[in-house]
Amino acid sequence: MCCVVFLKNSKTIPIEWIKPFDFAEKLLSEFEANLIYWSKPELNTQHMKKEPTFEYGQVHAQNVTGATYFWHDKFI
């Protein structure tokens, strides 16, 4: 289980609230690229050599499973 919340101008915005859909899809794609870049998973080869841009603001990723500390309260 994971919660993705974007932080901009001291406001928190869940991905589900971002409109229009095309903009939300672009943000999610950029966020995914950052997750791949920062965690370097073995099976993903894209986005690993150069840090992707993310111009929207800061991202707060929380792993709330309690089973591991992977991405537990991580800001990127």
N, C-alpha and C. Protein backbone atom coordinates (compact mmCIF):
# COMPACT_ATOMS: atom_id res chain seq x y z
N MET A 1 0.84 -1.16 0.00
CA MET A 1 0.00 0.00 0.00
C MET A 1 0.89 1.23 0.00
N CYS A 2 0.53 2.21 -0.78
CA CYS A 2 1.32 3.43 -0.88
C CYS A 2 0.39 4.62 -1.04
N CYS A 3 0.81 5.74 -0.53
CA CYS A 3 0.04 6.97 -0.65
C CYS A 3 0.93 8.00 -1.36
N VAL A 4 0.45 8.58 -2.43
CA VAL A 4 1.21 9.60 -3.15
C VAL A 4 0.51 10.94 -2.97
N VAL A 5 1.23 11.88 -2.38
CA VAL A 5 0.70 13.22 -2.14
C VAL A 5 1.73 14.22 -2.68
N PHE A 6 1.28 15.14 -3.50
CA PHE A 6 2.15 16.18 -4.03
C PHE A 6 2.07 17.40 -3.12
N LEU A 7 3.22 18.04 -2.89
CA LEU A 7 3.29 19.21 -2.02
C LEU A 7 3.67 20.41 -2.87
N LYS A 8 2.83 21.44 -2.84
CA LYS A 8 3.13 22.65 -3.61
C LYS A 8 2.58 23.85 -2.85
N ASN A 9 3.43 24.84 -2.67
CA ASN A 9 3.03 26.07 -1.97
C ASN A 9 2.40 25.76 -0.62
N SER A 10 3.02 24.87 0.12
CA SER A 10 2.57 24.46 1.46
C SER A 10 1.20 23.79 1.47
N LYS A 11 0.74 23.30 0.32
CA LYS A 11 -0.53 22.59 0.25
C LYS A 11 -0.28 21.15 -0.19
N THR A 12 -1.03 20.24 0.39
CA THR A 12 -0.93 18.83 0.00
C THR A 12 -2.07 18.51 -0.96
N ILE A 13 -1.71 17.81 -2.04
CA ILE A 13 -2.71 17.48 -3.06
C ILE A 13 -2.59 16.01 -3.42
N PRO A 14 -3.56 15.17 -3.06
CA PRO A 14 -3.53 13.77 -3.46
C PRO A 14 -3.64 13.65 -4.98
N ILE A 15 -3.01 12.65 -5.56
CA ILE A 15 -3.02 12.46 -7.01
C ILE A 15 -4.45 12.38 -7.54
N GLU A 16 -5.36 11.84 -6.76
CA GLU A 16 -6.75 11.67 -7.21
C GLU A 16 -7.46 13.01 -7.44
N TRP A 17 -6.97 14.08 -6.83
CA TRP A 17 -7.63 15.38 -6.94
C TRP A 17 -7.10 16.22 -8.10
N ILE A 18 -6.04 15.79 -8.76
CA ILE A 18 -5.42 16.61 -9.80
C ILE A 18 -6.19 16.48 -11.10
N LYS A 19 -6.54 17.62 -11.66
CA LYS A 19 -7.30 17.68 -12.91
C LYS A 19 -6.61 18.67 -13.84
N PRO A 20 -6.72 18.59 -15.12
CA PRO A 20 -7.39 17.57 -15.91
C PRO A 20 -6.61 16.26 -15.91
N PHE A 21 -7.22 15.23 -16.43
CA PHE A 21 -6.64 13.90 -16.43
C PHE A 21 -5.27 13.88 -17.10
N ASP A 22 -5.11 14.58 -18.23
CA ASP A 22 -3.83 14.59 -18.95
C ASP A 22 -2.70 15.12 -18.07
N PHE A 23 -2.98 16.15 -17.29
CA PHE A 23 -1.98 16.72 -16.39
C PHE A 23 -1.65 15.73 -15.27
N ALA A 24 -2.66 15.09 -14.71
CA ALA A 24 -2.44 14.09 -13.66
C ALA A 24 -1.62 12.92 -14.20
N GLU A 25 -1.90 12.50 -15.42
CA GLU A 25 -1.16 11.40 -16.04
C GLU A 25 0.31 11.78 -16.23
N LYS A 26 0.58 13.02 -16.65
CA LYS A 26 1.95 13.50 -16.82
C LYS A 26 2.68 13.52 -15.47
N LEU A 27 2.01 14.02 -14.44
CA LEU A 27 2.62 14.06 -13.11
C LEU A 27 2.95 12.66 -12.60
N LEU A 28 2.02 11.74 -12.79
CA LEU A 28 2.24 10.38 -12.33
C LEU A 28 3.39 9.73 -13.09
N SER A 29 3.50 10.00 -14.37
CA SER A 29 4.60 9.47 -15.18
C SER A 29 5.94 10.02 -14.70
N GLU A 30 6.00 11.32 -14.41
CA GLU A 30 7.23 11.93 -13.89
C GLU A 30 7.56 11.39 -12.50
N PHE A 31 6.54 11.18 -11.70
CA PHE A 31 6.75 10.62 -10.36
C PHE A 31 7.31 9.20 -10.46
N GLU A 32 6.74 8.40 -11.36
CA GLU A 32 7.24 7.03 -11.57
C GLU A 32 8.70 7.05 -12.00
N ALA A 33 9.06 7.96 -12.89
CA ALA A 33 10.45 8.08 -13.34
C ALA A 33 11.37 8.38 -12.15
N ASN A 34 10.93 9.24 -11.24
CA ASN A 34 11.72 9.55 -10.05
C ASN A 34 11.83 8.36 -9.12
N LEU A 35 10.75 7.62 -8.94
CA LEU A 35 10.81 6.41 -8.10
C LEU A 35 11.84 5.43 -8.65
N ILE A 36 11.83 5.24 -9.96
CA ILE A 36 12.78 4.32 -10.59
C ILE A 36 14.20 4.84 -10.41
N TYR A 37 14.41 6.14 -10.64
CA TYR A 37 15.74 6.72 -10.51
C TYR A 37 16.30 6.57 -9.10
N TRP A 38 15.49 6.89 -8.10
CA TRP A 38 15.97 6.88 -6.71
C TRP A 38 16.06 5.49 -6.10
N SER A 39 15.24 4.54 -6.52
CA SER A 39 15.29 3.20 -5.91
C SER A 39 16.08 2.19 -6.74
N LYS A 40 16.34 2.49 -8.01
CA LYS A 40 17.14 1.63 -8.90
C LYS A 40 16.73 0.16 -8.85
N PRO A 41 15.47 -0.16 -9.13
CA PRO A 41 15.04 -1.56 -9.12
C PRO A 41 15.72 -2.35 -10.24
N GLU A 42 15.98 -3.62 -9.99
CA GLU A 42 16.72 -4.45 -10.93
C GLU A 42 16.04 -4.61 -12.28
N LEU A 43 14.74 -4.70 -12.32
CA LEU A 43 14.04 -5.01 -13.55
C LEU A 43 13.68 -3.79 -14.40
N ASN A 44 13.86 -2.60 -13.89
CA ASN A 44 13.58 -1.39 -14.67
C ASN A 44 14.89 -0.81 -15.19
N THR A 45 14.96 -0.56 -16.48
CA THR A 45 16.18 0.00 -17.06
C THR A 45 16.00 1.46 -17.48
N GLN A 46 14.79 1.94 -17.52
CA GLN A 46 14.55 3.33 -17.88
C GLN A 46 14.80 4.24 -16.68
N HIS A 47 15.14 5.47 -16.95
CA HIS A 47 15.23 6.54 -15.95
C HIS A 47 16.29 6.30 -14.88
N MET A 48 17.29 5.46 -15.13
CA MET A 48 18.26 5.15 -14.08
C MET A 48 19.55 5.95 -14.19
N LYS A 49 19.87 6.49 -15.34
CA LYS A 49 21.16 7.15 -15.53
C LYS A 49 21.13 8.64 -15.22
N LYS A 50 20.03 9.29 -15.51
CA LYS A 50 19.93 10.74 -15.32
C LYS A 50 18.70 11.05 -14.49
N GLU A 51 18.88 11.92 -13.50
CA GLU A 51 17.74 12.27 -12.64
C GLU A 51 16.65 12.95 -13.46
N PRO A 52 15.44 12.41 -13.42
CA PRO A 52 14.34 13.00 -14.18
C PRO A 52 13.92 14.34 -13.57
N THR A 53 13.37 15.18 -14.41
CA THR A 53 12.86 16.45 -13.90
C THR A 53 11.48 16.25 -13.29
N PHE A 54 11.21 17.05 -12.31
CA PHE A 54 9.87 17.07 -11.72
C PHE A 54 9.62 18.51 -11.31
N GLU A 55 8.83 19.22 -12.08
CA GLU A 55 8.68 20.65 -11.91
C GLU A 55 7.48 21.06 -11.07
N TYR A 56 6.72 20.10 -10.60
CA TYR A 56 5.50 20.45 -9.89
C TYR A 56 5.74 20.84 -8.44
N GLY A 57 6.70 20.25 -7.81
CA GLY A 57 6.96 20.52 -6.40
C GLY A 57 7.58 19.30 -5.76
N GLN A 58 7.51 19.23 -4.46
CA GLN A 58 8.08 18.11 -3.73
C GLN A 58 7.08 16.96 -3.66
N VAL A 59 7.60 15.74 -3.59
CA VAL A 59 6.75 14.56 -3.49
C VAL A 59 7.02 13.85 -2.18
N HIS A 60 5.97 13.49 -1.50
CA HIS A 60 6.06 12.75 -0.25
C HIS A 60 5.47 11.37 -0.49
N ALA A 61 6.33 10.35 -0.43
CA ALA A 61 5.88 8.96 -0.64
C ALA A 61 5.91 8.24 0.70
N GLN A 62 4.83 7.55 1.02
CA GLN A 62 4.77 6.81 2.27
C GLN A 62 4.40 5.37 2.01
N ASN A 63 5.23 4.48 2.50
CA ASN A 63 4.91 3.06 2.52
C ASN A 63 4.25 2.82 3.87
N VAL A 64 2.98 2.50 3.87
CA VAL A 64 2.24 2.37 5.12
C VAL A 64 1.92 0.92 5.47
N THR A 65 2.67 -0.02 4.89
CA THR A 65 2.39 -1.43 5.17
C THR A 65 2.83 -1.84 6.56
N GLY A 66 3.88 -1.17 7.08
CA GLY A 66 4.42 -1.57 8.37
C GLY A 66 5.34 -2.77 8.27
N ALA A 67 5.47 -3.35 7.09
CA ALA A 67 6.29 -4.55 6.90
C ALA A 67 7.75 -4.21 6.60
N THR A 68 8.01 -3.00 6.14
CA THR A 68 9.37 -2.61 5.76
C THR A 68 9.51 -1.09 5.86
N TYR A 69 10.74 -0.63 5.91
CA TYR A 69 10.98 0.81 5.93
C TYR A 69 11.29 1.36 4.54
N PHE A 70 11.15 0.52 3.49
CA PHE A 70 11.38 0.97 2.13
C PHE A 70 10.38 2.06 1.78
N TRP A 71 10.87 3.22 1.38
CA TRP A 71 10.05 4.39 1.04
C TRP A 71 9.11 4.79 2.18
N HIS A 72 9.57 4.61 3.42
CA HIS A 72 8.76 5.00 4.57
C HIS A 72 9.02 6.47 4.86
N ASP A 73 8.04 7.31 4.58
CA ASP A 73 8.14 8.75 4.83
C ASP A 73 9.30 9.39 4.07
N LYS A 74 9.39 9.13 2.78
CA LYS A 74 10.47 9.63 1.93
C LYS A 74 10.01 10.87 1.17
N PHE A 75 10.82 11.91 1.20
CA PHE A 75 10.56 13.12 0.41
C PHE A 75 11.53 13.17 -0.75
N ILE A 76 11.01 13.38 -1.96
CA ILE A 76 11.90 13.52 -3.12
C ILE A 76 11.49 14.77 -3.89
